[in-house]
Amino acid sequence: MSRAPKVAVEDRPEPDRVTGAPHPRETLTLIGHHKAEAAFLDAYSAGKLHHGWMITGPLGLGKATLAWKIARFLLATPQDDGGMFASAPPEALDIPADHLVSHRLMALSEPRLFLLRRAWDDTARKLKSMITVDEVRKMKNYFALSAADGGRRVAIIDSVDEMNTAAANALLKLLEEPPPNVTLLLISHQPSKLLPTIRSRCRELRLAPLGAEDMATALAVTGDAPEDPVPLAELSGGSVGEAIRIMNLDGLKLYAGLVSLFATLPRLDRSRALALAEIGAGRGNEEKFDLLLMLIDLFLARLARAGTLGYCPPEAAKGEAELIARLSPNPADARHWADLAQGLANRARRGRAVNLDPASLLMDMVLQIDQTAGMLAQR
């Protein structure tokens, strides 16, 4: 039997690219993270450039964009020899798009940069699910070679969360004994799950969620600026990557449909509930099914938070504030919604593990939400 032809490099998906968005190396402007940029620049200007930097925050905030911006800056900025004719300290991390380093990074041809990410599996014809120890060894071998110009080198690890145990241990050894003139930029979406020894050997740059104004500016760069950025900022948790996913899957309309459906609680409109559940059913609708699960969980979390804190967040859909105020008017009711959210999340995980019919799972979740609303209305 003949083997299937190998997938050409240019046709392979990139594991660190958000669908529908430019790759982080293609984005020269970073929106809303001035504090993190300033913290790195201050350390650089003070001569206290750490060998390991961990850039943290939820998925899609711009961590990879910052990592590429730092790499571009380090590789394009001449090292200061401390002489009397040394140039003034840089005031920003910005490097022009027409700089040679920018061109080489864009083409992934910069010899002083090592990009560590999930590799392509030619046998399975898909990306590997984890970063393996073999990939970390390639990076260590790369650093064992002398730089062509004897200057600085940079590695971007996107993301360190995707390393298996052996790969994480190999990275730890590299952090414990870093090669000279090497800066490691580790991207982590969930740093609490990493080895404490890895975290302790890095300086952290924590990125905060974007507000609505910064969200609009960031999305404008991708060509997808919304008319009203507030709902997207609320539903995405301030993550540009998540906002793009929501827009690509018509998530604003889906969430508005959920709010409209839940407005009928505790007398659920079952025909509308069935229609909503069918959206996530069938082959090819897996992404919308996942999004619906996320939006239901988010709605319940917003109910719990509003009842506990005593005020509603900015509306993510028309009529949401009134609905939240009615369903979760006090901390006691908020506790019920929080417990339900946890229970439904566990049920969703079990249902997906046994390949439960998506429409049935969604319908069951909606019915349990209706049952809880009815119970609270009778108190």
Protein backbone atom coordinates (compact mmCIF):
# COMPACT_ATOMS: atom_id res chain seq x y z
CA MET A 1 0.00 0.00 0.00
CA SER A 2 1.41 3.39 -0.99
CA ARG A 3 1.89 5.99 1.68
CA ALA A 4 0.04 9.27 1.55
CA PRO A 5 2.29 12.11 0.37
CA LYS A 6 3.82 14.30 3.02
CA VAL A 7 2.14 17.60 3.75
CA ALA A 8 4.26 20.49 2.50
CA VAL A 9 5.62 22.81 5.19
CA GLU A 10 3.67 25.78 3.85
CA ASP A 11 0.42 23.78 4.01
CA ARG A 12 0.78 22.69 7.62
CA PRO A 13 -1.32 24.54 10.23
CA GLU A 14 0.61 26.63 12.74
CA PRO A 15 -0.17 25.59 16.33
CA ASP A 16 0.35 29.14 17.63
CA ARG A 17 -1.98 30.91 15.19
CA VAL A 18 -5.59 31.85 16.06
CA THR A 19 -7.93 30.99 13.18
CA GLY A 20 -8.97 34.15 11.35
CA ALA A 21 -6.25 36.32 12.91
CA PRO A 22 -2.72 37.29 11.85
CA HIS A 23 0.11 35.28 13.37
CA PRO A 24 1.69 37.08 16.36
CA ARG A 25 4.94 37.58 14.40
CA GLU A 26 2.92 39.54 11.83
CA THR A 27 1.49 41.93 14.43
CA LEU A 28 3.94 44.73 15.21
CA THR A 29 1.56 46.73 17.43
CA LEU A 30 0.62 45.47 20.89
CA ILE A 31 -2.51 47.06 22.35
CA GLY A 32 -3.22 47.65 26.02
CA HIS A 33 -0.13 46.14 27.68
CA HIS A 34 2.08 49.17 28.21
CA LYS A 35 2.97 48.16 31.79
CA ALA A 36 4.41 44.81 30.71
CA GLU A 37 6.39 46.43 27.90
CA ALA A 38 7.72 49.08 30.29
CA ALA A 39 8.72 46.45 32.88
CA PHE A 40 10.82 44.58 30.33
CA LEU A 41 12.36 47.77 28.94
CA ASP A 42 13.26 48.99 32.43
CA ALA A 43 15.07 45.73 33.18
CA TYR A 44 16.90 45.90 29.86
CA SER A 45 17.95 49.53 30.31
CA ALA A 46 19.14 48.85 33.87
CA GLY A 47 21.37 46.02 32.68
CA LYS A 48 19.24 43.47 34.57
CA LEU A 49 18.00 41.43 31.62
CA HIS A 50 16.92 38.07 33.06
CA HIS A 51 17.62 34.93 31.03
CA GLY A 52 14.07 33.61 31.45
CA TRP A 53 10.82 35.57 31.06
CA MET A 54 7.42 34.00 31.54
CA ILE A 55 4.59 35.90 29.85
CA THR A 56 1.32 34.89 31.50
CA GLY A 57 -2.39 35.55 31.23
CA PRO A 58 -5.50 33.93 29.73
CA LEU A 59 -5.41 32.62 26.18
CA GLY A 60 -5.62 35.25 23.45
CA LEU A 61 -4.52 38.34 25.39
CA GLY A 62 -1.49 39.09 23.21
CA LYS A 63 1.18 37.13 25.07
CA ALA A 64 2.68 35.74 21.88
CA THR A 65 2.56 39.17 20.24
CA LEU A 66 4.56 40.55 23.18
CA ALA A 67 7.04 37.67 22.95
CA TRP A 68 7.67 38.33 19.26
CA LYS A 69 7.95 42.05 19.94
CA ILE A 70 10.58 41.44 22.62
CA ALA A 71 12.44 39.02 20.35
CA ARG A 72 12.42 41.55 17.53
CA PHE A 73 13.73 44.22 19.88
CA LEU A 74 16.51 42.07 21.36
CA LEU A 75 17.74 40.84 17.99
CA ALA A 76 17.60 44.23 16.29
CA THR A 77 19.06 46.36 19.09
CA PRO A 78 22.89 46.48 19.19
CA GLN A 79 24.35 45.33 22.48
CA ASP A 80 25.77 48.20 24.53
CA ASP A 81 29.48 47.79 25.20
CA GLY A 82 29.37 50.42 27.95
CA GLY A 83 31.82 52.73 26.16
CA MET A 84 31.70 56.51 26.18
CA PHE A 85 30.06 56.55 22.76
CA ALA A 86 27.31 54.13 23.69
CA SER A 87 23.90 55.04 22.34
CA ALA A 88 21.13 56.35 24.58
CA PRO A 89 18.87 53.73 26.19
CA PRO A 90 15.90 52.82 23.96
CA GLU A 91 12.57 54.38 24.90
CA ALA A 92 10.35 51.67 23.40
CA LEU A 93 10.42 48.10 22.15
CA ASP A 94 9.26 49.09 18.67
CA ILE A 95 11.31 47.97 15.67
CA PRO A 96 10.32 49.15 12.16
CA ALA A 97 8.63 46.70 9.82
CA ASP A 98 11.29 47.33 7.17
CA HIS A 99 14.17 46.35 9.49
CA LEU A 100 16.10 43.28 8.33
CA VAL A 101 15.35 41.46 11.58
CA SER A 102 11.62 42.14 11.12
CA HIS A 103 11.78 40.67 7.61
CA ARG A 104 13.65 37.59 8.78
CA LEU A 105 11.30 36.97 11.70
CA MET A 106 8.30 37.33 9.42
CA ALA A 107 9.79 34.68 7.12
CA LEU A 108 10.91 32.46 10.04
CA SER A 109 14.45 32.72 8.69
CA GLU A 110 16.18 34.53 11.56
CA PRO A 111 19.16 32.31 12.54
CA ARG A 112 19.38 33.73 16.07
CA LEU A 113 15.79 32.78 16.97
CA PHE A 114 14.57 29.33 18.00
CA LEU A 115 10.79 28.84 17.94
CA LEU A 116 9.64 25.93 20.12
CA ARG A 117 6.06 24.87 19.52
CA ARG A 118 4.11 21.67 18.86
CA ALA A 119 5.69 19.84 15.96
CA TRP A 120 4.10 18.28 12.88
CA ASP A 121 3.64 14.50 12.87
CA ASP A 122 4.21 13.23 9.32
CA THR A 123 2.87 9.79 10.14
CA ALA A 124 -0.41 10.99 11.65
CA ARG A 125 -0.52 13.96 9.24
CA LYS A 126 -1.45 16.35 12.02
CA LEU A 127 0.13 18.47 14.76
CA LYS A 128 1.34 16.65 17.82
CA SER A 129 -0.79 17.17 20.93
CA MET A 130 2.22 18.02 23.13
CA ILE A 131 5.70 19.50 22.93
CA THR A 132 8.01 16.53 23.38
CA VAL A 133 11.45 16.20 24.92
CA ASP A 134 12.95 15.70 21.45
CA GLU A 135 11.90 19.23 20.51
CA VAL A 136 13.50 20.66 23.68
CA ARG A 137 16.70 18.75 22.88
CA LYS A 138 16.77 20.38 19.45
CA MET A 139 16.63 23.74 21.19
CA LYS A 140 19.46 22.78 23.56
CA ASN A 141 21.58 21.62 20.63
CA TYR A 142 20.89 24.89 18.86
CA PHE A 143 22.16 26.85 21.87
CA ALA A 144 25.24 24.62 22.04
CA LEU A 145 26.33 26.06 18.70
CA SER A 146 28.11 29.39 18.66
CA ALA A 147 26.12 32.33 17.30
CA ALA A 148 27.30 33.44 13.88
CA ASP A 149 28.03 36.95 15.12
CA GLY A 150 28.71 36.04 18.75
CA GLY A 151 25.69 38.12 19.75
CA ARG A 152 22.39 37.63 21.48
CA ARG A 153 20.00 34.74 20.78
CA VAL A 154 16.35 34.29 21.68
CA ALA A 155 13.94 31.37 22.05
CA ILE A 156 10.14 31.64 22.07
CA ILE A 157 8.27 28.73 23.68
CA ASP A 158 4.60 28.82 22.71
CA SER A 159 3.36 27.45 24.91
CA VAL A 160 5.13 25.95 27.89
CA ASP A 161 1.74 24.57 29.07
CA GLU A 162 1.82 22.12 26.15
CA MET A 163 5.03 20.40 27.26
CA ASN A 164 4.92 16.83 28.48
CA THR A 165 6.70 15.94 31.71
CA ALA A 166 9.98 14.97 30.08
CA ALA A 167 10.06 18.15 28.02
CA ALA A 168 9.34 20.29 31.09
CA ASN A 169 12.20 18.66 32.99
CA ALA A 170 14.56 19.23 30.08
CA LEU A 171 13.55 22.88 29.94
CA LEU A 172 14.14 23.21 33.67
CA LYS A 173 17.75 22.08 33.24
CA LEU A 174 18.22 24.74 30.57
CA LEU A 175 16.81 27.40 32.90
CA GLU A 176 19.11 26.23 35.71
CA GLU A 177 22.19 26.47 33.50
CA PRO A 178 21.33 29.05 30.84
CA PRO A 179 23.71 29.51 27.90
CA PRO A 180 25.37 32.95 27.66
CA ASN A 181 23.60 35.71 25.73
CA VAL A 182 20.38 33.70 25.50
CA THR A 183 16.93 34.99 26.46
CA LEU A 184 14.10 32.46 26.85
CA LEU A 185 10.56 33.77 26.39
CA LEU A 186 8.04 31.31 27.86
CA ILE A 187 4.35 31.79 27.06
CA SER A 188 1.94 30.32 29.62
CA HIS A 189 -1.85 30.45 29.77
CA GLN A 190 -2.02 28.56 33.09
CA PRO A 191 1.23 29.10 35.01
CA SER A 192 -0.20 27.57 38.20
CA LYS A 193 -0.08 24.14 36.51
CA LEU A 194 3.62 24.38 35.68
CA LEU A 195 6.50 23.05 37.74
CA PRO A 196 7.13 25.55 40.57
CA THR A 197 10.85 25.29 39.82
CA ILE A 198 10.26 26.50 36.25
CA ARG A 199 8.21 29.46 37.47
CA SER A 200 10.80 30.36 40.12
CA ARG A 201 13.57 30.60 37.53
CA CYS A 202 11.72 33.09 35.36
CA ARG A 203 10.69 36.69 35.75
CA GLU A 204 6.97 37.06 35.11
CA LEU A 205 5.23 39.53 32.81
CA ARG A 206 1.52 39.21 33.57
CA LEU A 207 -0.93 40.54 30.99
CA ALA A 208 -4.33 41.81 32.11
CA PRO A 209 -7.60 41.45 30.15
CA LEU A 210 -8.33 44.26 27.70
CA GLY A 211 -11.11 46.74 28.30
CA ALA A 212 -13.69 47.55 25.66
CA GLU A 213 -11.76 50.51 24.21
CA ASP A 214 -8.50 48.57 23.86
CA MET A 215 -10.44 45.59 22.51
CA ALA A 216 -11.90 47.75 19.73
CA THR A 217 -8.46 49.09 18.86
CA ALA A 218 -6.90 45.62 18.80
CA LEU A 219 -9.68 44.18 16.65
CA ALA A 220 -9.40 47.11 14.25
CA VAL A 221 -5.83 46.00 13.56
CA THR A 222 -7.19 42.61 12.41
CA GLY A 223 -9.87 44.29 10.29
CA ASP A 224 -12.74 43.02 12.48
CA ALA A 225 -13.69 46.09 14.52
CA PRO A 226 -17.20 45.63 16.02
CA GLU A 227 -19.78 48.41 16.19
CA ASP A 228 -20.00 47.95 19.97
CA PRO A 229 -16.93 46.39 21.61
CA VAL A 230 -18.50 46.05 25.09
CA PRO A 231 -20.34 42.73 24.48
CA LEU A 232 -17.23 41.18 22.94
CA ALA A 233 -15.03 42.40 25.79
CA GLU A 234 -17.50 40.90 28.29
CA LEU A 235 -17.91 37.53 26.57
CA SER A 236 -14.24 37.10 25.69
CA GLY A 237 -12.91 38.07 29.10
CA GLY A 238 -10.80 40.76 27.47
CA SER A 239 -9.06 38.26 25.16
CA VAL A 240 -8.61 39.33 21.55
CA GLY A 241 -8.09 35.74 20.44
CA GLU A 242 -11.32 34.65 22.13
CA ALA A 243 -13.15 37.67 20.69
CA ILE A 244 -12.09 36.64 17.18
CA ARG A 245 -13.32 33.08 17.81
CA ILE A 246 -16.65 34.41 19.08
CA MET A 247 -17.08 36.62 16.02
CA ASN A 248 -16.09 33.85 13.61
CA LEU A 249 -18.73 31.54 15.11
CA ASP A 250 -21.45 34.22 15.35
CA GLY A 251 -21.17 34.04 19.13
CA LEU A 252 -22.78 37.42 19.83
CA LYS A 253 -25.96 36.22 18.12
CA LEU A 254 -25.79 32.89 19.98
CA TYR A 255 -25.46 34.63 23.34
CA ALA A 256 -28.32 37.00 22.51
CA GLY A 257 -30.39 33.89 21.71
CA LEU A 258 -29.50 32.36 25.08
CA VAL A 259 -30.49 35.54 26.94
CA SER A 260 -33.76 35.71 25.00
CA LEU A 261 -34.47 32.05 25.79
CA PHE A 262 -33.62 32.40 29.48
CA ALA A 263 -35.92 35.42 29.67
CA THR A 264 -38.77 32.88 29.52
CA LEU A 265 -37.58 31.22 32.76
CA PRO A 266 -39.04 29.70 34.86
CA ARG A 267 -41.58 28.84 32.15
CA LEU A 268 -39.10 27.71 29.53
CA ASP A 269 -40.08 28.02 25.88
CA ARG A 270 -39.23 24.42 24.97
CA SER A 271 -39.59 24.82 21.22
CA ARG A 272 -37.00 27.61 21.25
CA ALA A 273 -34.81 25.55 23.59
CA LEU A 274 -34.89 22.62 21.15
CA ALA A 275 -33.99 24.94 18.26
CA LEU A 276 -31.03 26.28 20.18
CA ALA A 277 -29.84 22.78 21.13
CA GLU A 278 -29.91 21.71 17.49
CA ILE A 279 -27.38 24.43 16.60
CA GLY A 280 -24.64 22.40 18.28
CA ALA A 281 -25.74 19.06 16.85
CA GLY A 282 -24.38 17.20 13.88
CA ARG A 283 -21.01 16.70 12.23
CA GLY A 284 -19.24 19.95 11.47
CA ASN A 285 -20.86 21.86 14.34
CA GLU A 286 -18.33 20.86 17.00
CA GLU A 287 -16.96 24.39 17.35
CA LYS A 288 -20.43 25.88 17.85
CA PHE A 289 -21.23 23.16 20.38
CA ASP A 290 -18.09 24.05 22.34
CA LEU A 291 -18.97 27.73 22.12
CA LEU A 292 -22.52 27.13 23.37
CA LEU A 293 -21.15 25.21 26.37
CA MET A 294 -18.83 28.11 27.11
CA LEU A 295 -21.59 30.72 26.76
CA ILE A 296 -23.96 28.82 29.05
CA ASP A 297 -21.23 28.48 31.66
CA LEU A 298 -20.44 32.19 31.28
CA PHE A 299 -24.09 33.18 31.72
CA LEU A 300 -24.32 31.18 34.94
CA ALA A 301 -21.06 32.69 36.18
CA ARG A 302 -22.40 36.18 35.49
CA LEU A 303 -25.58 35.30 37.41
CA ALA A 304 -23.55 34.10 40.39
CA ARG A 305 -21.19 37.07 40.35
CA ALA A 306 -23.97 39.65 40.05
CA GLY A 307 -25.99 38.18 42.91
CA THR A 308 -22.94 37.98 45.14
CA LEU A 309 -21.63 41.48 44.42
CA GLY A 310 -25.02 43.18 44.20
CA TYR A 311 -24.63 44.73 40.74
CA CYS A 312 -24.82 43.60 37.13
CA PRO A 313 -21.85 43.68 34.77
CA PRO A 314 -22.10 45.65 31.51
CA GLU A 315 -24.62 43.98 29.21
CA ALA A 316 -23.34 41.44 26.72
CA ALA A 317 -26.79 41.20 25.11
CA LYS A 318 -29.94 43.32 25.12
CA GLY A 319 -32.07 42.65 28.19
CA GLU A 320 -29.34 40.75 30.03
CA ALA A 321 -29.09 43.17 32.97
CA GLU A 322 -32.82 42.98 33.70
CA LEU A 323 -32.75 39.18 33.41
CA ILE A 324 -29.78 38.81 35.73
CA ALA A 325 -31.34 41.13 38.31
CA ARG A 326 -34.53 39.03 38.27
CA LEU A 327 -32.90 35.59 38.42
CA SER A 328 -30.11 36.38 40.90
CA PRO A 329 -31.19 39.22 43.22
CA ASN A 330 -29.18 38.17 46.30
CA PRO A 331 -26.18 36.13 47.47
CA ALA A 332 -28.33 33.14 48.46
CA ASP A 333 -29.67 32.75 44.93
CA ALA A 334 -26.21 33.41 43.54
CA ARG A 335 -24.90 30.39 45.47
CA HIS A 336 -27.49 28.14 43.81
CA TRP A 337 -26.43 29.38 40.36
CA ALA A 338 -22.76 28.85 41.20
CA ASP A 339 -23.44 25.28 42.37
CA LEU A 340 -25.45 24.60 39.22
CA ALA A 341 -22.65 25.97 37.03
CA GLN A 342 -20.16 23.58 38.63
CA GLY A 343 -22.52 20.63 38.29
CA LEU A 344 -23.30 21.35 34.64
CA ALA A 345 -19.62 21.81 33.82
CA ASN A 346 -18.86 18.38 35.29
CA ARG A 347 -21.77 16.86 33.39
CA ALA A 348 -20.58 18.44 30.15
CA ARG A 349 -17.10 16.94 30.62
CA ARG A 350 -18.57 13.49 31.27
CA GLY A 351 -20.97 13.80 28.35
CA ARG A 352 -18.20 14.70 25.94
CA ALA A 353 -16.03 11.85 27.26
CA VAL A 354 -18.72 9.27 26.34
CA ASN A 355 -19.77 11.04 23.13
CA LEU A 356 -23.24 11.93 24.39
CA ASP A 357 -25.45 13.47 21.70
CA PRO A 358 -24.65 17.22 21.74
CA ALA A 359 -28.28 18.31 21.28
CA SER A 360 -29.43 16.07 24.15
CA LEU A 361 -26.65 17.37 26.40
CA LEU A 362 -27.48 21.01 25.64
CA MET A 363 -31.21 20.41 26.13
CA ASP A 364 -30.60 18.69 29.46
CA MET A 365 -28.49 21.64 30.64
CA VAL A 366 -31.19 24.14 29.68
CA LEU A 367 -33.86 22.07 31.46
CA GLN A 368 -31.78 22.01 34.65
CA ILE A 369 -31.39 25.79 34.44
CA ASP A 370 -35.19 26.07 34.08
CA GLN A 371 -35.69 23.76 37.08
CA THR A 372 -33.38 25.88 39.23
CA ALA A 373 -35.14 29.08 38.18
CA GLY A 374 -38.49 27.53 39.11
CA MET A 375 -37.21 26.43 42.51
CA LEU A 376 -35.82 29.88 43.31
CA ALA A 377 -39.04 31.59 42.16
CA GLN A 378 -41.05 29.60 44.74
CA ARG A 379 -38.85 30.62 47.68
